[in-house]
N, C-alpha and C. Protein backbone atom coordinates (compact mmCIF):
# COMPACT_ATOMS: atom_id res chain seq x y z
N MET A 1 120.32 109.85 120.60
CA MET A 1 119.01 109.20 120.18
C MET A 1 119.41 107.88 119.52
N ARG A 2 120.46 107.91 118.52
CA ARG A 2 120.76 106.59 117.97
C ARG A 2 121.31 105.48 118.93
N ARG A 3 122.31 106.16 119.83
CA ARG A 3 122.82 105.25 120.85
C ARG A 3 121.76 104.68 121.77
N ALA A 4 120.75 105.37 122.09
CA ALA A 4 119.72 104.85 122.91
C ALA A 4 118.88 103.74 122.18
N LEU A 5 118.63 103.97 120.90
CA LEU A 5 118.10 102.86 120.13
C LEU A 5 118.72 101.66 120.03
N LEU A 6 120.09 101.88 119.82
CA LEU A 6 120.89 100.75 119.76
C LEU A 6 120.98 99.98 121.06
N ILE A 7 121.06 100.60 122.09
CA ILE A 7 121.03 99.95 123.47
C ILE A 7 119.68 99.24 123.68
N LEU A 8 118.67 99.97 123.22
CA LEU A 8 117.35 99.35 123.36
C LEU A 8 117.27 98.08 122.55
N PHE A 9 117.76 98.08 121.37
CA PHE A 9 117.72 96.92 120.49
C PHE A 9 118.57 95.86 120.82
N LEU A 10 119.79 96.07 121.42
CA LEU A 10 120.75 95.12 121.64
C LEU A 10 120.71 94.53 123.12
N VAL A 11 120.08 95.37 124.03
CA VAL A 11 120.12 94.88 125.52
C VAL A 11 118.73 94.73 125.94
N VAL A 12 117.90 95.64 125.85
CA VAL A 12 116.65 95.65 126.52
C VAL A 12 115.67 94.64 125.77
N LEU A 13 115.59 94.71 124.57
CA LEU A 13 114.75 93.90 123.62
C LEU A 13 115.02 92.34 123.94
N PRO A 14 116.25 91.88 123.82
CA PRO A 14 116.47 90.40 124.15
C PRO A 14 116.08 89.94 125.50
N VAL A 15 116.32 90.75 126.59
CA VAL A 15 115.96 90.48 127.81
C VAL A 15 114.46 90.53 127.96
N ALA A 16 113.80 91.37 127.33
CA ALA A 16 112.32 91.39 127.28
C ALA A 16 111.76 90.13 126.55
N GLU A 17 112.33 89.78 125.41
CA GLU A 17 111.95 88.67 124.60
C GLU A 17 112.05 87.39 125.49
N ILE A 18 113.32 87.20 126.26
CA ILE A 18 113.41 86.05 127.00
C ILE A 18 112.40 85.94 128.21
N GLY A 19 112.02 87.14 128.76
CA GLY A 19 110.97 87.20 129.84
C GLY A 19 109.64 86.68 129.16
N VAL A 20 109.24 87.18 127.98
CA VAL A 20 108.03 86.86 127.45
C VAL A 20 108.04 85.36 127.15
N ILE A 21 109.13 84.90 126.68
CA ILE A 21 109.21 83.41 126.17
C ILE A 21 108.96 82.63 127.58
N ILE A 22 109.52 83.01 128.54
CA ILE A 22 109.46 82.19 129.81
C ILE A 22 108.07 82.33 130.35
N LEU A 23 107.35 83.42 130.21
CA LEU A 23 105.93 83.67 130.57
C LEU A 23 105.16 82.80 129.80
N VAL A 24 105.33 82.70 128.54
CA VAL A 24 104.30 81.99 127.71
C VAL A 24 104.76 80.42 127.91
N GLY A 25 105.93 80.10 128.14
CA GLY A 25 106.28 78.69 128.45
C GLY A 25 105.72 78.19 129.76
N ARG A 26 105.52 79.08 130.70
CA ARG A 26 104.75 78.74 131.93
C ARG A 26 103.34 78.60 131.70
N ALA A 27 102.81 79.39 130.77
CA ALA A 27 101.37 79.48 130.59
C ALA A 27 100.89 78.10 129.75
N ILE A 28 101.60 77.96 128.69
CA ILE A 28 101.21 76.87 127.81
C ILE A 28 102.03 75.67 127.66
N GLY A 29 103.21 75.78 128.49
CA GLY A 29 104.19 74.60 128.30
C GLY A 29 105.38 74.95 127.31
N VAL A 30 106.40 74.25 127.72
CA VAL A 30 107.61 74.47 126.97
C VAL A 30 107.59 73.97 125.47
N PRO A 31 107.03 72.65 125.43
CA PRO A 31 107.00 72.19 123.90
C PRO A 31 106.12 73.05 123.03
N ALA A 32 104.97 73.52 123.58
CA ALA A 32 104.02 74.37 122.77
C ALA A 32 104.55 75.66 122.42
N THR A 33 105.39 76.19 123.48
CA THR A 33 106.13 77.51 123.20
C THR A 33 107.04 77.45 122.04
N PHE A 34 107.91 76.35 122.10
CA PHE A 34 108.82 76.26 120.97
C PHE A 34 108.21 75.93 119.64
N LEU A 35 107.10 75.26 119.74
CA LEU A 35 106.39 75.04 118.42
C LEU A 35 105.69 76.28 118.00
N LEU A 36 105.19 77.16 118.92
CA LEU A 36 104.66 78.42 118.49
C LEU A 36 105.77 79.43 117.91
N LEU A 37 106.92 79.34 118.63
CA LEU A 37 108.05 80.19 118.01
C LEU A 37 108.40 79.66 116.48
N LEU A 38 108.49 78.37 116.37
CA LEU A 38 108.86 77.68 115.01
C LEU A 38 107.72 78.22 114.03
N VAL A 39 106.38 78.16 114.41
CA VAL A 39 105.41 78.54 113.57
C VAL A 39 105.36 79.96 113.13
N THR A 40 105.65 80.89 114.17
CA THR A 40 105.72 82.26 113.79
C THR A 40 106.92 82.49 112.88
N THR A 41 107.98 81.84 113.09
CA THR A 41 109.18 81.99 112.13
C THR A 41 108.84 81.46 110.77
N LEU A 42 108.12 80.54 110.58
CA LEU A 42 107.65 80.03 109.30
C LEU A 42 106.64 80.91 108.64
N VAL A 43 105.74 81.46 109.37
CA VAL A 43 104.77 82.47 108.84
C VAL A 43 105.47 83.83 108.52
N GLY A 44 106.52 84.08 109.25
CA GLY A 44 107.29 85.35 108.94
C GLY A 44 107.96 85.16 107.60
N THR A 45 108.62 84.08 107.38
CA THR A 45 109.27 83.74 106.16
C THR A 45 108.31 83.73 104.92
N TRP A 46 107.24 83.14 105.09
CA TRP A 46 106.25 83.05 104.00
C TRP A 46 105.63 84.46 103.83
N LEU A 47 105.39 85.35 104.91
CA LEU A 47 104.93 86.66 104.58
C LEU A 47 105.95 87.53 104.02
N LEU A 48 107.29 87.22 104.40
CA LEU A 48 108.21 88.12 103.76
C LEU A 48 108.40 87.85 102.27
N ARG A 49 108.26 86.75 101.97
CA ARG A 49 108.32 86.35 100.45
C ARG A 49 107.12 86.92 99.73
N ARG A 50 105.95 86.64 100.32
CA ARG A 50 104.71 86.99 99.55
C ARG A 50 104.54 88.59 99.51
N GLU A 51 104.59 89.21 100.56
CA GLU A 51 104.54 90.70 100.55
C GLU A 51 105.74 91.41 99.91
N GLY A 52 106.88 90.80 100.11
CA GLY A 52 108.09 91.34 99.45
C GLY A 52 107.95 91.37 98.04
N THR A 53 107.41 90.16 97.42
CA THR A 53 107.29 90.15 96.05
C THR A 53 106.13 91.22 95.57
N ARG A 54 105.24 91.35 96.32
CA ARG A 54 104.13 92.32 95.95
C ARG A 54 104.77 93.68 95.98
N ALA A 55 105.51 93.99 97.00
CA ALA A 55 106.16 95.49 97.13
C ALA A 55 107.09 95.67 95.96
N TRP A 56 107.88 94.64 95.59
CA TRP A 56 108.87 94.81 94.45
C TRP A 56 108.14 94.95 93.10
N ARG A 57 107.01 94.26 92.97
CA ARG A 57 106.18 94.40 91.71
C ARG A 57 105.64 95.87 91.76
N SER A 58 105.17 96.32 92.74
CA SER A 58 104.59 97.68 92.84
C SER A 58 105.70 98.74 92.54
N PHE A 59 106.82 98.54 92.99
CA PHE A 59 108.01 99.42 92.72
C PHE A 59 108.32 99.49 91.22
N ARG A 60 108.50 98.27 90.66
CA ARG A 60 108.74 98.25 89.24
C ARG A 60 107.59 98.87 88.42
N ASP A 61 106.31 98.60 88.77
CA ASP A 61 105.22 99.26 88.08
C ASP A 61 105.27 100.69 88.16
N ASP A 62 105.61 101.22 89.32
CA ASP A 62 105.75 102.70 89.55
C ASP A 62 106.74 103.26 88.55
N LEU A 63 107.87 102.55 88.69
CA LEU A 63 108.93 103.14 87.71
C LEU A 63 108.54 102.99 86.19
N ALA A 64 107.90 101.90 85.81
CA ALA A 64 107.58 101.77 84.48
C ALA A 64 106.57 102.79 84.07
N ALA A 65 105.60 103.17 84.94
CA ALA A 65 104.54 104.12 84.61
C ALA A 65 105.04 105.62 84.82
N GLY A 66 106.24 105.85 85.32
CA GLY A 66 106.87 107.21 85.48
C GLY A 66 106.32 107.81 86.73
N ARG A 67 105.74 107.05 87.63
CA ARG A 67 105.33 107.64 88.90
C ARG A 67 106.39 107.49 90.01
N PRO A 68 106.50 108.53 90.90
CA PRO A 68 107.49 108.37 91.85
C PRO A 68 107.34 107.05 92.71
N PRO A 69 108.60 106.43 92.79
CA PRO A 69 108.53 105.12 93.51
C PRO A 69 108.77 105.06 94.94
N GLY A 70 108.63 106.28 95.58
CA GLY A 70 108.98 106.39 97.17
C GLY A 70 108.13 105.51 97.95
N ASN A 71 106.74 105.45 97.73
CA ASN A 71 105.84 104.72 98.52
C ASN A 71 106.14 103.26 98.35
N ALA A 72 106.30 102.75 97.18
CA ALA A 72 106.62 101.39 97.00
C ALA A 72 107.93 101.05 97.61
N ALA A 73 108.89 101.86 97.53
CA ALA A 73 110.27 101.70 98.09
C ALA A 73 110.08 101.54 99.67
N THR A 74 109.26 102.41 100.22
CA THR A 74 109.07 102.40 101.60
C THR A 74 108.35 101.09 102.03
N ASP A 75 107.29 100.74 101.17
CA ASP A 75 106.67 99.48 101.63
C ASP A 75 107.73 98.29 101.52
N GLY A 76 108.53 98.30 100.47
CA GLY A 76 109.54 97.26 100.32
C GLY A 76 110.42 97.15 101.58
N LEU A 77 110.89 98.42 101.96
CA LEU A 77 111.81 98.53 103.25
C LEU A 77 111.10 97.95 104.47
N LEU A 78 109.77 98.35 104.72
CA LEU A 78 109.01 97.97 105.81
C LEU A 78 108.75 96.36 105.78
N VAL A 79 108.54 95.85 104.68
CA VAL A 79 108.29 94.41 104.44
C VAL A 79 109.55 93.64 104.83
N LEU A 80 110.77 94.12 104.28
CA LEU A 80 111.99 93.49 104.62
C LEU A 80 112.31 93.49 106.17
N VAL A 81 112.22 94.69 106.75
CA VAL A 81 112.47 94.80 108.18
C VAL A 81 111.47 93.99 109.01
N GLY A 82 110.18 94.11 108.57
CA GLY A 82 109.20 93.30 109.39
C GLY A 82 109.34 91.81 109.25
N GLY A 83 109.69 91.28 107.99
CA GLY A 83 109.94 89.87 107.83
C GLY A 83 111.09 89.54 108.49
N LEU A 84 112.27 90.26 108.59
CA LEU A 84 113.40 89.92 109.29
C LEU A 84 113.17 89.74 110.93
N LEU A 85 112.38 90.75 111.34
CA LEU A 85 111.86 90.67 112.76
C LEU A 85 111.02 89.54 113.10
N MET A 86 110.26 89.10 112.12
CA MET A 86 109.41 87.81 112.44
C MET A 86 110.33 86.64 112.39
N VAL A 87 111.36 86.58 111.56
CA VAL A 87 112.13 85.43 111.50
C VAL A 87 113.04 85.31 112.69
N LEU A 88 113.30 86.27 113.38
CA LEU A 88 114.03 86.29 114.66
C LEU A 88 113.11 85.63 115.73
N PRO A 89 113.73 84.75 116.60
CA PRO A 89 112.79 84.03 117.60
C PRO A 89 112.42 85.05 118.67
N GLY A 90 111.21 85.07 118.92
CA GLY A 90 110.67 86.00 119.99
C GLY A 90 109.38 86.47 119.66
N PHE A 91 108.43 86.72 120.66
CA PHE A 91 107.11 87.18 120.41
C PHE A 91 106.94 88.65 120.26
N ILE A 92 107.81 89.38 120.90
CA ILE A 92 107.69 90.93 120.72
C ILE A 92 108.19 91.33 119.30
N THR A 93 109.18 90.66 118.88
CA THR A 93 109.73 91.04 117.47
C THR A 93 108.68 90.50 116.47
N ASP A 94 108.05 89.30 116.81
CA ASP A 94 106.99 88.87 115.82
C ASP A 94 105.89 89.81 115.80
N ALA A 95 105.47 90.37 116.89
CA ALA A 95 104.30 91.20 116.88
C ALA A 95 104.75 92.61 115.92
N ILE A 96 105.84 93.12 116.32
CA ILE A 96 106.27 94.34 115.67
C ILE A 96 106.43 94.07 114.15
N GLY A 97 107.07 92.84 113.79
CA GLY A 97 107.31 92.52 112.45
C GLY A 97 106.04 92.33 111.77
N LEU A 98 104.88 91.62 112.36
CA LEU A 98 103.65 91.42 111.71
C LEU A 98 103.02 92.71 111.39
N LEU A 99 103.10 93.67 112.21
CA LEU A 99 102.52 95.04 111.98
C LEU A 99 103.23 95.61 110.79
N MET A 100 104.46 95.51 110.61
CA MET A 100 105.22 96.06 109.54
C MET A 100 104.93 95.36 108.28
N VAL A 101 104.68 94.07 108.27
CA VAL A 101 104.44 93.37 107.08
C VAL A 101 102.97 93.34 106.44
N LEU A 102 102.04 93.41 107.36
CA LEU A 102 100.65 93.35 106.85
C LEU A 102 100.24 94.69 106.25
N PRO A 103 99.50 94.58 105.02
CA PRO A 103 99.25 95.90 104.25
C PRO A 103 98.45 96.91 105.09
N PRO A 104 97.38 96.44 105.85
CA PRO A 104 96.54 97.48 106.58
C PRO A 104 97.33 98.35 107.57
N THR A 105 98.30 97.68 108.28
CA THR A 105 98.92 98.37 109.29
C THR A 105 100.21 99.04 108.81
N ARG A 106 100.64 98.63 107.63
CA ARG A 106 101.97 99.19 107.08
C ARG A 106 101.87 100.65 106.79
N GLY A 107 100.62 101.23 106.58
CA GLY A 107 100.44 102.64 106.31
C GLY A 107 101.05 103.48 107.59
N VAL A 108 100.88 102.99 108.75
CA VAL A 108 101.27 103.69 109.92
C VAL A 108 102.81 103.75 109.81
N GLY A 109 103.49 102.61 109.58
CA GLY A 109 104.90 102.70 109.49
C GLY A 109 105.29 103.64 108.30
N ARG A 110 104.70 103.51 107.08
CA ARG A 110 104.99 104.47 106.01
C ARG A 110 104.97 105.95 106.38
N SER A 111 103.92 106.28 107.28
CA SER A 111 103.84 107.63 107.60
C SER A 111 105.01 108.07 108.48
N LEU A 112 105.41 107.23 109.36
CA LEU A 112 106.55 107.47 110.38
C LEU A 112 107.80 107.57 109.41
N VAL A 113 107.99 106.79 108.46
CA VAL A 113 109.18 107.02 107.48
C VAL A 113 109.03 108.20 106.74
N LEU A 114 107.89 108.56 106.28
CA LEU A 114 107.81 109.92 105.55
C LEU A 114 108.13 110.99 106.49
N ARG A 115 107.66 110.97 107.67
CA ARG A 115 107.96 112.03 108.48
C ARG A 115 109.56 112.19 108.81
N LEU A 116 110.04 111.03 109.06
CA LEU A 116 111.55 111.10 109.09
C LEU A 116 112.27 111.63 107.81
N VAL A 117 111.79 111.21 106.67
CA VAL A 117 112.24 111.74 105.38
C VAL A 117 112.11 113.17 105.15
N ASP A 118 111.04 113.68 105.72
CA ASP A 118 110.64 115.17 105.56
C ASP A 118 111.68 115.99 106.22
N ARG A 119 112.22 115.56 107.34
CA ARG A 119 113.12 116.26 108.20
C ARG A 119 114.68 116.19 107.47
N ARG A 120 114.91 115.12 106.80
CA ARG A 120 116.25 114.89 106.39
C ARG A 120 116.54 115.08 104.91
N MET A 121 115.51 115.29 104.12
CA MET A 121 115.65 115.53 102.68
C MET A 121 115.25 116.83 102.31
N SER A 122 115.79 117.31 101.20
CA SER A 122 115.31 118.66 100.63
C SER A 122 113.96 118.43 100.03
N SER A 123 113.13 119.46 99.85
CA SER A 123 111.82 119.28 99.21
C SER A 123 111.95 118.81 97.78
N ARG A 124 112.87 119.10 97.04
CA ARG A 124 113.04 118.66 95.75
C ARG A 124 113.40 117.15 95.63
N ALA A 125 114.24 116.70 96.50
CA ALA A 125 114.52 115.25 96.48
C ALA A 125 113.42 114.50 96.93
N ARG A 126 112.61 115.09 97.86
CA ARG A 126 111.38 114.23 98.43
C ARG A 126 110.36 114.18 97.43
N ALA A 127 110.24 115.34 96.66
CA ALA A 127 109.28 115.42 95.58
C ALA A 127 109.57 114.40 94.46
N ASN A 128 110.86 114.22 94.12
CA ASN A 128 111.28 113.41 93.11
C ASN A 128 111.06 111.86 93.53
N LEU A 129 111.11 111.59 94.86
CA LEU A 129 111.04 110.27 95.27
C LEU A 129 109.58 109.95 95.58
N PHE A 130 108.82 110.82 96.29
CA PHE A 130 107.42 110.66 96.79
C PHE A 130 106.36 111.37 96.04
N GLY A 131 106.74 112.23 95.14
CA GLY A 131 105.65 112.95 94.42
C GLY A 131 105.41 114.34 95.05
N PRO A 132 104.65 115.22 94.57
CA PRO A 132 104.40 116.53 95.16
C PRO A 132 103.83 116.34 96.48
N ARG A 133 104.11 117.30 97.49
CA ARG A 133 103.63 117.23 98.70
C ARG A 133 102.10 117.61 98.76
N LYS A 134 101.27 117.05 99.49
CA LYS A 134 99.97 117.51 99.76
C LYS A 134 99.89 118.22 100.94
N VAL A 135 99.27 119.45 100.88
CA VAL A 135 99.20 120.28 102.06
C VAL A 135 97.65 120.55 102.32
N ARG A 136 97.30 120.79 103.55
CA ARG A 136 95.97 121.19 103.89
C ARG A 136 95.88 122.64 103.91
N VAL A 137 94.76 123.18 103.42
CA VAL A 137 94.55 124.57 103.26
C VAL A 137 93.28 124.94 104.27
N ARG A 138 93.48 125.98 105.13
CA ARG A 138 92.35 126.40 105.87
C ARG A 138 91.98 127.69 105.37
N TYR A 139 90.64 127.88 105.16
CA TYR A 139 90.06 129.17 104.72
C TYR A 139 89.74 130.06 106.08
N GLY A 140 89.92 131.27 105.97
CA GLY A 140 89.50 132.20 106.92
C GLY A 140 90.50 133.35 107.17
N PRO A 141 90.41 133.94 108.12
CA PRO A 141 91.39 135.22 108.28
C PRO A 141 92.93 134.63 108.54
N ALA A 142 93.76 135.30 108.12
CA ALA A 142 95.20 134.95 108.27
C ALA A 142 95.63 134.86 109.74
N GLN A 143 96.41 133.93 110.06
CA GLN A 143 96.76 133.67 111.39
C GLN A 143 98.08 134.38 111.70
N ARG A 144 98.56 135.43 111.10
CA ARG A 144 99.81 136.12 111.35
C ARG A 144 99.68 137.05 112.50
N ASN A 145 100.77 137.38 113.01
CA ASN A 145 100.89 138.38 114.13
C ASN A 145 100.90 139.87 113.66
N GLU A 146 100.41 139.96 112.52
CA GLU A 146 100.48 141.49 111.91
C GLU A 146 99.13 142.08 112.24
N PRO A 147 99.17 143.47 112.44
CA PRO A 147 97.86 144.13 112.77
C PRO A 147 96.98 143.92 111.45
N PRO A 148 95.52 143.92 111.77
CA PRO A 148 94.72 143.75 110.53
C PRO A 148 94.85 144.96 109.73
N PRO A 149 94.38 144.93 108.40
CA PRO A 149 94.47 146.02 107.63
C PRO A 149 93.28 147.03 108.04
N PRO A 150 93.58 148.41 107.60
CA PRO A 150 92.38 149.34 108.02
C PRO A 150 91.19 148.92 107.31
N PRO A 151 90.07 149.26 107.95
CA PRO A 151 88.76 148.84 107.20
C PRO A 151 88.55 149.80 105.97
N SER A 152 87.92 149.18 105.04
CA SER A 152 87.74 149.93 103.77
C SER A 152 86.28 150.33 103.72
N SER A 153 85.99 151.31 102.71
CA SER A 153 84.63 151.72 102.63
C SER A 153 83.76 150.85 101.74
N THR A 154 84.41 149.87 101.05
CA THR A 154 83.67 148.91 100.27
C THR A 154 83.16 147.75 101.06
N PRO A 155 82.06 147.28 100.85
CA PRO A 155 81.58 146.03 101.62
C PRO A 155 82.41 144.89 101.27
N PRO A 156 82.52 143.88 102.22
CA PRO A 156 83.25 142.62 102.01
C PRO A 156 82.41 141.77 100.91
N PRO A 157 83.23 141.09 100.12
CA PRO A 157 82.58 140.10 99.20
C PRO A 157 81.68 139.04 99.94
N PRO A 158 80.83 138.40 99.21
CA PRO A 158 80.03 137.35 99.85
C PRO A 158 81.05 136.27 100.32
N SER A 159 80.64 135.54 101.35
CA SER A 159 81.59 134.56 101.90
C SER A 159 81.47 133.22 101.16
N SER A 160 82.34 133.21 100.16
CA SER A 160 82.51 131.88 99.46
C SER A 160 83.88 131.61 99.35
N PRO A 161 84.17 130.31 99.48
CA PRO A 161 85.69 130.02 99.53
C PRO A 161 86.38 130.25 98.14
N PRO A 162 87.55 130.78 98.20
CA PRO A 162 88.21 130.96 96.95
C PRO A 162 88.51 129.77 96.25
N PRO A 163 88.74 129.80 94.88
CA PRO A 163 89.14 128.50 94.23
C PRO A 163 90.46 128.00 94.63
N ALA A 164 90.61 126.69 94.69
CA ALA A 164 91.86 126.03 95.07
C ALA A 164 92.97 126.23 94.11
N ILE A 165 94.19 126.48 94.54
CA ILE A 165 95.24 126.74 93.64
C ILE A 165 96.26 125.54 93.87
N GLU A 166 96.48 124.92 92.86
CA GLU A 166 97.51 123.79 93.00
C GLU A 166 98.95 124.41 92.86
N GLY A 167 99.88 123.96 93.65
CA GLY A 167 101.23 124.43 93.65
C GLY A 167 102.20 123.34 94.03
N GLU A 168 103.39 123.82 94.10
CA GLU A 168 104.46 122.82 94.65
C GLU A 168 105.36 123.62 95.52
N ILE A 169 105.84 122.98 96.55
CA ILE A 169 106.69 123.74 97.53
C ILE A 169 108.13 123.33 97.17
N VAL A 170 108.93 124.37 96.94
CA VAL A 170 110.28 124.13 96.41
C VAL A 170 111.17 124.95 97.40
N ASP A 171 112.32 124.27 97.89
CA ASP A 171 113.26 124.91 98.71
C ASP A 171 114.02 126.00 97.85
N PRO A 172 114.31 127.11 98.39
CA PRO A 172 115.01 128.15 97.63
C PRO A 172 116.50 127.56 97.43
N PRO A 173 117.23 127.89 96.26
CA PRO A 173 118.50 127.35 96.00
C PRO A 173 119.55 127.90 96.97
């Protein structure tokens, strides 16, 4: 998997970038294409500085308030990678970098990073970094493959959802 990503990043992406630059150059002209590449690089530098400062401030505020800093650290990482992608010349990397830098679309990247972290970290380390895990609870009959309990002679209680119980998922030692 890592080797495939490396090949994609080092071989396929530059070839695709050159192809897109040639297509854009044919459509709007060579001088306009180079000007557009320069503008996207400058915008990427500006966004990297602006959003990077915001992410760093959020990280420091979370630490000062005693909150888990994982989301702020993830935002900072996404801003750094997205800004670096925007500084690289090319329209494909600019589009991907812009999605990683802008706050409305950064949430998608954050959820992907959290999914990756879930697989590679223990629950305790994840909770220390990102806070307690939020889980969805479904009410209704159990979904186990066990036979149902024998019917009792007492009538079932009225159908009202039981009260929510807050808890924390912890890996066994």
